[in-house]
Amino acid sequence: GPFPSRRLGASLGVNILPPGVKLCAFNCNYCQCGWTYDLVDEAVIAKHPWPEPEQVGAALEEALKTCGKIDAITLAGNGEPTLHPDFWRVVSALGEVRDRAAPGVPLHILTNGANLERPQVVSGMNLLDERHVKLDAGSESMFMEMNNPTTDIGTWDVIRGAKKLKDCVLQAMFTRGRRDNTADRE
């Protein structure tokens, strides 16, 4: 990056997930990262090499030296960033680097909201300037069809989790055809 984003302007993406594997609690039918093949639980999380908070901060600092003008720094990547086992410390490290090297540039996250039952995730999310939480469906059946979760989570779990945040931007992918989540009940 930075990549041009309609929502965020010139956005520098930060991937805090292990390289070479998609880790996410969802298998959304439109995901550009492909499929999650393992049930994402503590054992799967533990078997992958996660970047240390200090490494993430140092990498952001280096990227900020060469990326030119940016409008946002966005946690995203090859899966769900809130799965990082040390999420709060990673966000703290990013905030320190941003405050020093790019003051005023907002820190964002793109998340599916599946891990908002974890207090350290909520605390880390609330350190960010904007939280973009994905919610593609109003009914449980459409939620399952759109997101194909690999864990026991549903629409109301995401909504309950989002209520724990100081605020958030809801984002949705609307589709018609085989999966139509544009009906009034959705």
N, C-alpha and C. Protein backbone atom coordinates (compact mmCIF):
# COMPACT_ATOMS: atom_id res chain seq x y z
N GLY A 1 0.83 -1.19 0.00
CA GLY A 1 0.00 0.00 0.00
C GLY A 1 0.87 1.25 0.00
N PRO A 2 0.29 2.38 0.09
CA PRO A 2 -1.13 2.53 0.36
C PRO A 2 -2.00 2.21 -0.86
N PHE A 3 -3.23 1.80 -0.56
CA PHE A 3 -4.20 1.47 -1.59
C PHE A 3 -5.30 2.50 -1.60
N PRO A 4 -5.83 2.83 -2.78
CA PRO A 4 -6.95 3.77 -2.82
C PRO A 4 -8.22 3.08 -2.32
N SER A 5 -8.89 3.71 -1.38
CA SER A 5 -10.12 3.18 -0.80
C SER A 5 -11.21 4.23 -0.94
N ARG A 6 -12.38 3.81 -1.40
CA ARG A 6 -13.49 4.77 -1.50
C ARG A 6 -13.88 5.29 -0.13
N ARG A 7 -13.78 4.46 0.88
CA ARG A 7 -14.17 4.86 2.23
C ARG A 7 -13.09 5.64 2.96
N LEU A 8 -11.83 5.21 2.80
CA LEU A 8 -10.77 5.70 3.67
C LEU A 8 -9.71 6.55 2.98
N GLY A 9 -9.80 6.74 1.67
CA GLY A 9 -8.77 7.47 0.95
C GLY A 9 -7.55 6.60 0.72
N ALA A 10 -6.37 7.18 0.79
CA ALA A 10 -5.13 6.41 0.63
C ALA A 10 -4.88 5.68 1.94
N SER A 11 -5.10 4.37 1.93
CA SER A 11 -5.06 3.58 3.15
C SER A 11 -3.87 2.62 3.14
N LEU A 12 -3.05 2.72 4.19
CA LEU A 12 -1.93 1.81 4.37
C LEU A 12 -2.41 0.62 5.18
N GLY A 13 -2.46 -0.54 4.56
CA GLY A 13 -2.94 -1.75 5.23
C GLY A 13 -1.87 -2.37 6.10
N VAL A 14 -2.30 -2.88 7.24
CA VAL A 14 -1.42 -3.58 8.17
C VAL A 14 -2.00 -4.97 8.41
N ASN A 15 -1.25 -5.99 8.03
CA ASN A 15 -1.66 -7.37 8.21
C ASN A 15 -0.93 -7.92 9.43
N ILE A 16 -1.67 -8.26 10.49
CA ILE A 16 -1.06 -8.76 11.71
C ILE A 16 -1.25 -10.27 11.87
N LEU A 17 -1.64 -10.92 10.77
CA LEU A 17 -1.85 -12.37 10.80
C LEU A 17 -0.60 -13.10 10.32
N PRO A 18 -0.51 -14.39 10.61
CA PRO A 18 0.63 -15.17 10.12
C PRO A 18 0.66 -15.18 8.59
N PRO A 19 1.84 -15.15 7.99
CA PRO A 19 1.92 -15.16 6.54
C PRO A 19 1.54 -16.50 5.94
N GLY A 20 0.96 -16.45 4.76
CA GLY A 20 0.73 -17.66 3.98
C GLY A 20 -0.49 -18.49 4.34
N VAL A 21 -1.32 -18.02 5.28
CA VAL A 21 -2.50 -18.79 5.66
C VAL A 21 -3.63 -17.81 5.98
N LYS A 22 -4.84 -18.18 5.58
CA LYS A 22 -6.00 -17.38 5.96
C LYS A 22 -6.54 -17.94 7.27
N LEU A 23 -6.68 -17.08 8.25
CA LEU A 23 -7.27 -17.46 9.53
C LEU A 23 -8.46 -16.55 9.80
N CYS A 24 -9.63 -17.16 9.89
CA CYS A 24 -10.85 -16.39 10.08
C CYS A 24 -11.93 -17.34 10.61
N ALA A 25 -12.86 -16.79 11.36
CA ALA A 25 -13.99 -17.60 11.85
C ALA A 25 -15.08 -17.72 10.79
N PHE A 26 -14.93 -17.01 9.67
CA PHE A 26 -15.93 -17.02 8.62
C PHE A 26 -15.32 -17.53 7.31
N ASN A 27 -16.18 -18.05 6.46
CA ASN A 27 -15.84 -18.36 5.08
C ASN A 27 -16.87 -17.65 4.20
N CYS A 28 -16.79 -16.35 4.18
CA CYS A 28 -17.77 -15.55 3.43
C CYS A 28 -17.71 -15.91 1.96
N ASN A 29 -18.88 -15.97 1.34
CA ASN A 29 -18.93 -16.42 -0.06
C ASN A 29 -18.26 -15.45 -1.02
N TYR A 30 -17.95 -14.26 -0.59
CA TYR A 30 -17.30 -13.27 -1.47
C TYR A 30 -15.86 -12.95 -1.04
N CYS A 31 -15.30 -13.69 -0.11
CA CYS A 31 -13.98 -13.37 0.43
C CYS A 31 -12.88 -13.51 -0.63
N GLN A 32 -12.08 -12.47 -0.76
CA GLN A 32 -10.97 -12.50 -1.72
C GLN A 32 -9.76 -13.26 -1.19
N CYS A 33 -9.78 -13.64 0.09
CA CYS A 33 -8.65 -14.36 0.68
C CYS A 33 -8.77 -15.87 0.57
N GLY A 34 -9.88 -16.36 0.06
CA GLY A 34 -10.05 -17.80 -0.07
C GLY A 34 -10.74 -18.38 1.15
N TRP A 35 -10.51 -19.67 1.40
CA TRP A 35 -11.22 -20.40 2.44
C TRP A 35 -10.34 -20.61 3.66
N THR A 36 -10.99 -20.68 4.80
CA THR A 36 -10.36 -21.12 6.04
C THR A 36 -10.60 -22.62 6.11
N TYR A 37 -9.54 -23.39 6.17
CA TYR A 37 -9.68 -24.84 6.14
C TYR A 37 -9.72 -25.47 7.52
N ASP A 38 -9.19 -24.78 8.52
CA ASP A 38 -9.20 -25.30 9.88
C ASP A 38 -10.27 -24.61 10.69
N LEU A 39 -10.85 -25.32 11.63
CA LEU A 39 -11.68 -24.69 12.65
C LEU A 39 -10.74 -23.80 13.44
N VAL A 40 -11.03 -22.50 13.49
CA VAL A 40 -10.10 -21.58 14.15
C VAL A 40 -10.39 -21.60 15.65
N ASP A 41 -9.55 -22.36 16.36
CA ASP A 41 -9.65 -22.44 17.81
C ASP A 41 -8.27 -22.13 18.40
N GLU A 42 -8.14 -22.24 19.71
CA GLU A 42 -6.88 -21.90 20.35
C GLU A 42 -5.71 -22.75 19.87
N ALA A 43 -5.96 -24.03 19.56
CA ALA A 43 -4.89 -24.91 19.08
C ALA A 43 -4.39 -24.46 17.71
N VAL A 44 -5.30 -24.08 16.81
CA VAL A 44 -4.90 -23.60 15.48
C VAL A 44 -4.16 -22.28 15.61
N ILE A 45 -4.66 -21.39 16.45
CA ILE A 45 -4.00 -20.10 16.65
C ILE A 45 -2.58 -20.31 17.19
N ALA A 46 -2.43 -21.24 18.11
CA ALA A 46 -1.12 -21.49 18.74
C ALA A 46 -0.10 -22.10 17.78
N LYS A 47 -0.54 -22.79 16.73
CA LYS A 47 0.42 -23.46 15.86
C LYS A 47 1.05 -22.55 14.81
N HIS A 48 0.55 -21.32 14.68
CA HIS A 48 1.06 -20.40 13.66
C HIS A 48 2.00 -19.36 14.27
N PRO A 49 3.00 -18.91 13.49
CA PRO A 49 3.91 -17.86 13.97
C PRO A 49 3.28 -16.47 13.78
N TRP A 50 2.89 -15.86 14.87
CA TRP A 50 2.26 -14.53 14.83
C TRP A 50 3.33 -13.46 14.99
N PRO A 51 3.23 -12.36 14.28
CA PRO A 51 4.20 -11.28 14.46
C PRO A 51 4.06 -10.67 15.85
N GLU A 52 5.18 -10.40 16.47
CA GLU A 52 5.19 -9.77 17.80
C GLU A 52 4.76 -8.30 17.67
N PRO A 53 4.15 -7.74 18.71
CA PRO A 53 3.73 -6.34 18.65
C PRO A 53 4.87 -5.39 18.25
N GLU A 54 6.07 -5.64 18.78
CA GLU A 54 7.21 -4.78 18.44
C GLU A 54 7.57 -4.88 16.96
N GLN A 55 7.46 -6.08 16.40
CA GLN A 55 7.73 -6.27 14.97
C GLN A 55 6.72 -5.50 14.12
N VAL A 56 5.45 -5.58 14.52
CA VAL A 56 4.40 -4.88 13.77
C VAL A 56 4.64 -3.38 13.83
N GLY A 57 4.96 -2.87 15.01
CA GLY A 57 5.24 -1.44 15.15
C GLY A 57 6.43 -1.00 14.31
N ALA A 58 7.50 -1.79 14.34
CA ALA A 58 8.70 -1.45 13.56
C ALA A 58 8.40 -1.49 12.06
N ALA A 59 7.61 -2.46 11.63
CA ALA A 59 7.27 -2.55 10.20
C ALA A 59 6.42 -1.35 9.78
N LEU A 60 5.49 -0.93 10.63
CA LEU A 60 4.70 0.25 10.29
C LEU A 60 5.59 1.48 10.21
N GLU A 61 6.51 1.62 11.15
CA GLU A 61 7.40 2.78 11.13
C GLU A 61 8.22 2.84 9.83
N GLU A 62 8.73 1.69 9.40
CA GLU A 62 9.49 1.64 8.14
C GLU A 62 8.59 1.98 6.95
N ALA A 63 7.39 1.43 6.92
CA ALA A 63 6.47 1.69 5.80
C ALA A 63 6.10 3.17 5.73
N LEU A 64 5.92 3.79 6.89
CA LEU A 64 5.54 5.21 6.90
C LEU A 64 6.64 6.11 6.34
N LYS A 65 7.88 5.66 6.38
CA LYS A 65 9.00 6.45 5.85
C LYS A 65 8.97 6.52 4.32
N THR A 66 8.36 5.52 3.66
CA THR A 66 8.44 5.45 2.21
C THR A 66 7.10 5.50 1.49
N CYS A 67 5.99 5.47 2.21
CA CYS A 67 4.70 5.30 1.54
C CYS A 67 4.09 6.60 1.01
N GLY A 68 4.65 7.73 1.36
CA GLY A 68 4.06 9.00 0.91
C GLY A 68 2.87 9.38 1.77
N LYS A 69 2.05 10.30 1.27
CA LYS A 69 0.91 10.80 2.03
C LYS A 69 -0.18 9.73 2.13
N ILE A 70 -0.67 9.53 3.34
CA ILE A 70 -1.76 8.58 3.54
C ILE A 70 -2.89 9.24 4.33
N ASP A 71 -4.09 8.71 4.14
CA ASP A 71 -5.26 9.20 4.85
C ASP A 71 -5.67 8.30 6.00
N ALA A 72 -5.21 7.05 6.01
CA ALA A 72 -5.60 6.09 7.04
C ALA A 72 -4.59 4.97 7.13
N ILE A 73 -4.52 4.38 8.32
CA ILE A 73 -3.79 3.14 8.55
C ILE A 73 -4.86 2.13 8.93
N THR A 74 -4.92 1.00 8.21
CA THR A 74 -6.04 0.07 8.38
C THR A 74 -5.57 -1.34 8.69
N LEU A 75 -6.01 -1.86 9.83
CA LEU A 75 -5.77 -3.25 10.17
C LEU A 75 -6.71 -4.11 9.35
N ALA A 76 -6.16 -4.95 8.54
CA ALA A 76 -6.93 -5.85 7.67
C ALA A 76 -6.01 -7.04 7.40
N GLY A 77 -6.11 -7.66 6.27
CA GLY A 77 -5.14 -8.70 5.92
C GLY A 77 -5.77 -9.98 5.45
N ASN A 78 -5.03 -11.07 5.63
CA ASN A 78 -5.44 -12.37 5.11
C ASN A 78 -6.27 -13.13 6.15
N GLY A 79 -7.31 -12.48 6.65
CA GLY A 79 -8.19 -13.10 7.63
C GLY A 79 -8.68 -12.07 8.63
N GLU A 80 -8.97 -12.52 9.84
CA GLU A 80 -9.54 -11.68 10.89
C GLU A 80 -8.47 -11.18 11.85
N PRO A 81 -8.18 -9.86 11.83
CA PRO A 81 -7.08 -9.34 12.66
C PRO A 81 -7.28 -9.53 14.16
N THR A 82 -8.52 -9.58 14.64
CA THR A 82 -8.73 -9.71 16.08
C THR A 82 -8.40 -11.10 16.61
N LEU A 83 -8.03 -12.03 15.74
CA LEU A 83 -7.57 -13.34 16.18
C LEU A 83 -6.16 -13.30 16.76
N HIS A 84 -5.42 -12.22 16.50
CA HIS A 84 -4.05 -12.14 17.02
C HIS A 84 -4.09 -12.37 18.52
N PRO A 85 -3.27 -13.30 19.03
CA PRO A 85 -3.33 -13.63 20.46
C PRO A 85 -2.92 -12.49 21.38
N ASP A 86 -2.24 -11.48 20.85
CA ASP A 86 -1.82 -10.33 21.66
C ASP A 86 -2.37 -9.04 21.02
N PHE A 87 -3.62 -9.09 20.64
CA PHE A 87 -4.25 -8.01 19.87
C PHE A 87 -4.09 -6.65 20.54
N TRP A 88 -4.38 -6.55 21.83
CA TRP A 88 -4.32 -5.26 22.51
C TRP A 88 -2.93 -4.65 22.42
N ARG A 89 -1.89 -5.46 22.65
CA ARG A 89 -0.52 -4.94 22.58
C ARG A 89 -0.15 -4.53 21.16
N VAL A 90 -0.64 -5.26 20.16
CA VAL A 90 -0.36 -4.88 18.77
C VAL A 90 -0.98 -3.51 18.46
N VAL A 91 -2.23 -3.33 18.85
CA VAL A 91 -2.90 -2.05 18.61
C VAL A 91 -2.18 -0.93 19.36
N SER A 92 -1.76 -1.20 20.58
CA SER A 92 -1.02 -0.20 21.35
C SER A 92 0.27 0.20 20.64
N ALA A 93 1.00 -0.79 20.13
CA ALA A 93 2.26 -0.52 19.41
C ALA A 93 1.99 0.31 18.16
N LEU A 94 0.93 -0.04 17.43
CA LEU A 94 0.60 0.73 16.23
C LEU A 94 0.25 2.16 16.58
N GLY A 95 -0.50 2.35 17.66
CA GLY A 95 -0.87 3.69 18.09
C GLY A 95 0.33 4.53 18.47
N GLU A 96 1.30 3.93 19.16
CA GLU A 96 2.52 4.65 19.54
C GLU A 96 3.29 5.10 18.30
N VAL A 97 3.44 4.19 17.34
CA VAL A 97 4.17 4.53 16.11
C VAL A 97 3.42 5.61 15.34
N ARG A 98 2.12 5.44 15.20
CA ARG A 98 1.33 6.44 14.48
C ARG A 98 1.47 7.81 15.13
N ASP A 99 1.36 7.88 16.46
CA ASP A 99 1.44 9.17 17.17
C ASP A 99 2.78 9.84 16.95
N ARG A 100 3.83 9.05 16.82
CA ARG A 100 5.18 9.58 16.63
C ARG A 100 5.49 9.90 15.16
N ALA A 101 5.11 8.99 14.26
CA ALA A 101 5.54 9.09 12.86
C ALA A 101 4.49 9.65 11.91
N ALA A 102 3.22 9.59 12.28
CA ALA A 102 2.15 10.07 11.40
C ALA A 102 0.99 10.62 12.24
N PRO A 103 1.28 11.62 13.07
CA PRO A 103 0.22 12.13 13.94
C PRO A 103 -0.98 12.63 13.13
N GLY A 104 -2.15 12.34 13.64
CA GLY A 104 -3.37 12.77 12.97
C GLY A 104 -3.93 11.78 11.96
N VAL A 105 -3.14 10.80 11.55
CA VAL A 105 -3.64 9.79 10.61
C VAL A 105 -4.45 8.77 11.42
N PRO A 106 -5.73 8.56 11.10
CA PRO A 106 -6.54 7.66 11.90
C PRO A 106 -6.19 6.19 11.69
N LEU A 107 -6.34 5.44 12.79
CA LEU A 107 -6.17 3.99 12.77
C LEU A 107 -7.54 3.35 12.67
N HIS A 108 -7.72 2.47 11.68
CA HIS A 108 -8.98 1.79 11.43
C HIS A 108 -8.78 0.28 11.54
N ILE A 109 -9.89 -0.44 11.64
CA ILE A 109 -9.86 -1.89 11.53
C ILE A 109 -11.06 -2.35 10.72
N LEU A 110 -10.85 -3.37 9.91
CA LEU A 110 -11.93 -4.07 9.22
C LEU A 110 -12.06 -5.42 9.93
N THR A 111 -13.22 -5.68 10.55
CA THR A 111 -13.41 -6.88 11.33
C THR A 111 -14.77 -7.51 11.07
N ASN A 112 -14.85 -8.80 11.31
CA ASN A 112 -16.15 -9.46 11.21
C ASN A 112 -16.89 -9.47 12.54
N GLY A 113 -16.27 -9.02 13.59
CA GLY A 113 -16.92 -8.93 14.89
C GLY A 113 -17.04 -10.25 15.63
N ALA A 114 -16.43 -11.29 15.14
CA ALA A 114 -16.60 -12.62 15.73
C ALA A 114 -15.88 -12.79 17.06
N ASN A 115 -14.95 -11.91 17.39
CA ASN A 115 -14.15 -12.09 18.61
C ASN A 115 -14.43 -11.03 19.66
N LEU A 116 -15.58 -10.38 19.57
CA LEU A 116 -15.90 -9.31 20.50
C LEU A 116 -16.36 -9.81 21.86
N GLU A 117 -16.33 -11.12 22.09
CA GLU A 117 -16.58 -11.65 23.43
C GLU A 117 -15.30 -11.63 24.25
N ARG A 118 -14.14 -11.40 23.59
CA ARG A 118 -12.85 -11.37 24.28
C ARG A 118 -12.58 -9.94 24.78
N PRO A 119 -12.49 -9.74 26.10
CA PRO A 119 -12.29 -8.39 26.64
C PRO A 119 -11.07 -7.67 26.07
N GLN A 120 -9.94 -8.38 25.85
CA GLN A 120 -8.74 -7.70 25.31
C GLN A 120 -8.96 -7.25 23.87
N VAL A 121 -9.83 -7.92 23.15
CA VAL A 121 -10.15 -7.49 21.78
C VAL A 121 -10.99 -6.21 21.84
N VAL A 122 -11.99 -6.18 22.70
CA VAL A 122 -12.81 -4.97 22.84
C VAL A 122 -11.94 -3.80 23.29
N SER A 123 -11.06 -4.02 24.27
CA SER A 123 -10.17 -2.94 24.73
C SER A 123 -9.27 -2.44 23.61
N GLY A 124 -8.71 -3.37 22.84
CA GLY A 124 -7.86 -2.98 21.71
C GLY A 124 -8.64 -2.25 20.63
N MET A 125 -9.83 -2.74 20.33
CA MET A 125 -10.67 -2.09 19.32
C MET A 125 -10.99 -0.66 19.73
N ASN A 126 -11.24 -0.45 21.03
CA ASN A 126 -11.60 0.89 21.49
C ASN A 126 -10.42 1.85 21.52
N LEU A 127 -9.20 1.36 21.33
CA LEU A 127 -8.04 2.24 21.17
C LEU A 127 -7.97 2.83 19.76
N LEU A 128 -8.62 2.18 18.81
CA LEU A 128 -8.57 2.61 17.41
C LEU A 128 -9.49 3.81 17.18
N ASP A 129 -9.25 4.53 16.09
CA ASP A 129 -10.09 5.68 15.77
C ASP A 129 -11.41 5.28 15.15
N GLU A 130 -11.40 4.23 14.33
CA GLU A 130 -12.65 3.74 13.73
C GLU A 130 -12.63 2.23 13.66
N ARG A 131 -13.79 1.66 13.95
CA ARG A 131 -13.99 0.22 13.94
C ARG A 131 -15.06 -0.09 12.90
N HIS A 132 -14.69 -0.80 11.83
CA HIS A 132 -15.63 -1.19 10.78
C HIS A 132 -16.00 -2.65 11.01
N VAL A 133 -17.25 -2.88 11.45
CA VAL A 133 -17.72 -4.22 11.79
C VAL A 133 -18.66 -4.69 10.69
N LYS A 134 -18.39 -5.86 10.16
CA LYS A 134 -19.15 -6.44 9.05
C LYS A 134 -20.41 -7.11 9.57
N LEU A 135 -21.53 -6.79 8.96
CA LEU A 135 -22.79 -7.47 9.27
C LEU A 135 -23.59 -7.52 7.98
N ASP A 136 -23.62 -8.70 7.35
CA ASP A 136 -24.21 -8.87 6.02
C ASP A 136 -25.66 -9.32 6.03
N ALA A 137 -26.22 -9.61 7.20
CA ALA A 137 -27.55 -10.20 7.22
C ALA A 137 -28.28 -9.85 8.50
N GLY A 138 -29.61 -9.77 8.40
CA GLY A 138 -30.44 -9.52 9.57
C GLY A 138 -31.02 -10.79 10.15
N SER A 139 -31.07 -11.85 9.37
CA SER A 139 -31.62 -13.12 9.86
C SER A 139 -30.48 -14.12 10.04
N GLU A 140 -30.70 -15.05 10.96
CA GLU A 140 -29.69 -16.08 11.20
C GLU A 140 -29.45 -16.95 9.96
N SER A 141 -30.51 -17.27 9.24
CA SER A 141 -30.34 -18.15 8.08
C SER A 141 -29.50 -17.46 7.00
N MET A 142 -29.74 -16.19 6.74
CA MET A 142 -28.94 -15.48 5.74
C MET A 142 -27.52 -15.26 6.26
N PHE A 143 -27.37 -15.00 7.55
CA PHE A 143 -26.02 -14.86 8.13
C PHE A 143 -25.21 -16.12 7.85
N MET A 144 -25.82 -17.28 8.10
CA MET A 144 -25.12 -18.55 7.86
C MET A 144 -24.79 -18.72 6.38
N GLU A 145 -25.71 -18.35 5.52
CA GLU A 145 -25.49 -18.51 4.09
C GLU A 145 -24.41 -17.55 3.56
N MET A 146 -24.44 -16.31 4.02
CA MET A 146 -23.46 -15.31 3.55
C MET A 146 -22.07 -15.56 4.13
N ASN A 147 -22.00 -15.93 5.41
CA ASN A 147 -20.73 -15.96 6.12
C ASN A 147 -20.15 -17.34 6.37
N ASN A 148 -20.99 -18.39 6.31
CA ASN A 148 -20.51 -19.75 6.50
C ASN A 148 -19.50 -19.83 7.65
N PRO A 149 -19.92 -19.47 8.88
CA PRO A 149 -18.96 -19.43 9.98
C PRO A 149 -18.39 -20.81 10.32
N THR A 150 -17.13 -20.79 10.74
CA THR A 150 -16.46 -22.03 11.15
C THR A 150 -16.56 -22.22 12.66
N THR A 151 -17.20 -21.28 13.35
CA THR A 151 -17.43 -21.38 14.79
C THR A 151 -18.91 -21.13 15.06
N ASP A 152 -19.30 -21.30 16.29
CA ASP A 152 -20.69 -21.12 16.69
C ASP A 152 -20.96 -19.64 16.94
N ILE A 153 -21.29 -18.91 15.88
CA ILE A 153 -21.56 -17.48 15.98
C ILE A 153 -22.69 -17.13 15.03
N GLY A 154 -23.45 -16.12 15.37
CA GLY A 154 -24.56 -15.70 14.54
C GLY A 154 -24.73 -14.19 14.56
N THR A 155 -25.76 -13.72 13.90
CA THR A 155 -26.04 -12.29 13.77
C THR A 155 -26.08 -11.60 15.12
N TRP A 156 -26.81 -12.17 16.06
CA TRP A 156 -26.97 -11.51 17.36
C TRP A 156 -25.69 -11.49 18.16
N ASP A 157 -24.80 -12.44 17.95
CA ASP A 157 -23.50 -12.41 18.62
C ASP A 157 -22.69 -11.21 18.14
N VAL A 158 -22.72 -10.94 16.83
CA VAL A 158 -22.00 -9.79 16.28
C VAL A 158 -22.63 -8.50 16.81
N ILE A 159 -23.94 -8.42 16.84
CA ILE A 159 -24.62 -7.21 17.33
C ILE A 159 -24.31 -6.98 18.81
N ARG A 160 -24.40 -8.03 19.63
CA ARG A 160 -24.07 -7.89 21.06
C ARG A 160 -22.61 -7.44 21.23
N GLY A 161 -21.72 -8.00 20.44
CA GLY A 161 -20.32 -7.60 20.52
C GLY A 161 -20.11 -6.17 20.10
N ALA A 162 -20.75 -5.74 19.03
CA ALA A 162 -20.59 -4.35 18.56
C ALA A 162 -21.09 -3.36 19.59
N LYS A 163 -22.07 -3.74 20.39
CA LYS A 163 -22.59 -2.84 21.44
C LYS A 163 -21.56 -2.60 22.54
N LYS A 164 -20.54 -3.45 22.64
CA LYS A 164 -19.49 -3.26 23.64
C LYS A 164 -18.48 -2.19 23.22
N LEU A 165 -18.49 -1.85 21.95
CA LEU A 165 -17.54 -0.86 21.43
C LEU A 165 -18.06 0.54 21.69
N LYS A 166 -17.12 1.51 21.79
CA LYS A 166 -17.59 2.87 22.03
C LYS A 166 -18.39 3.40 20.86
N ASP A 167 -18.09 2.94 19.67
CA ASP A 167 -18.89 3.18 18.47
C ASP A 167 -18.32 2.31 17.37
N CYS A 168 -19.04 2.20 16.27
CA CYS A 168 -18.52 1.43 15.14
C CYS A 168 -19.27 1.83 13.88
N VAL A 169 -18.66 1.51 12.77
CA VAL A 169 -19.27 1.67 11.46
C VAL A 169 -19.67 0.27 11.02
N LEU A 170 -20.96 0.08 10.74
CA LEU A 170 -21.38 -1.22 10.21
C LEU A 170 -21.15 -1.23 8.72
N GLN A 171 -20.57 -2.29 8.22
CA GLN A 171 -20.38 -2.44 6.79
C GLN A 171 -21.08 -3.71 6.35
N ALA A 172 -21.59 -3.70 5.15
CA ALA A 172 -22.32 -4.86 4.63
C ALA A 172 -22.04 -5.01 3.14
N MET A 173 -22.02 -6.26 2.71
CA MET A 173 -21.95 -6.57 1.29
C MET A 173 -23.35 -7.02 0.90
N PHE A 174 -24.00 -6.26 0.03
CA PHE A 174 -25.34 -6.61 -0.42
C PHE A 174 -25.25 -7.37 -1.73
N THR A 175 -25.97 -8.49 -1.80
CA THR A 175 -25.96 -9.31 -3.00
C THR A 175 -27.38 -9.71 -3.37
N ARG A 176 -27.57 -9.92 -4.64
CA ARG A 176 -28.84 -10.46 -5.16
C ARG A 176 -28.50 -11.67 -6.01
N GLY A 177 -29.49 -12.51 -6.22
CA GLY A 177 -29.27 -13.72 -6.99
C GLY A 177 -29.46 -14.91 -6.09
N ARG A 178 -28.51 -15.84 -6.14
CA ARG A 178 -28.61 -17.04 -5.31
C ARG A 178 -28.70 -16.70 -3.82
N ARG A 179 -27.97 -15.69 -3.39
CA ARG A 179 -28.04 -15.20 -2.02
C ARG A 179 -28.50 -13.76 -2.07
N ASP A 180 -29.73 -13.52 -1.64
CA ASP A 180 -30.29 -12.17 -1.67
C ASP A 180 -30.47 -11.67 -0.25
N ASN A 181 -29.59 -10.78 0.16
CA ASN A 181 -29.70 -10.21 1.49
C ASN A 181 -30.22 -8.77 1.46
N THR A 182 -30.98 -8.46 0.40
CA THR A 182 -31.52 -7.11 0.24
C THR A 182 -33.02 -7.04 0.58
N ALA A 183 -33.63 -8.15 0.93
CA ALA A 183 -35.07 -8.15 1.25
C ALA A 183 -35.32 -7.37 2.54
N ASP A 184 -36.53 -6.88 2.71
CA ASP A 184 -36.88 -6.07 3.88
C ASP A 184 -36.55 -6.78 5.19
N ARG A 185 -36.75 -8.09 5.28
CA ARG A 185 -36.49 -8.80 6.53
C ARG A 185 -35.00 -8.84 6.87
N GLU A 186 -34.15 -8.60 5.90
CA GLU A 186 -32.70 -8.55 6.15
C GLU A 186 -32.28 -7.17 6.60
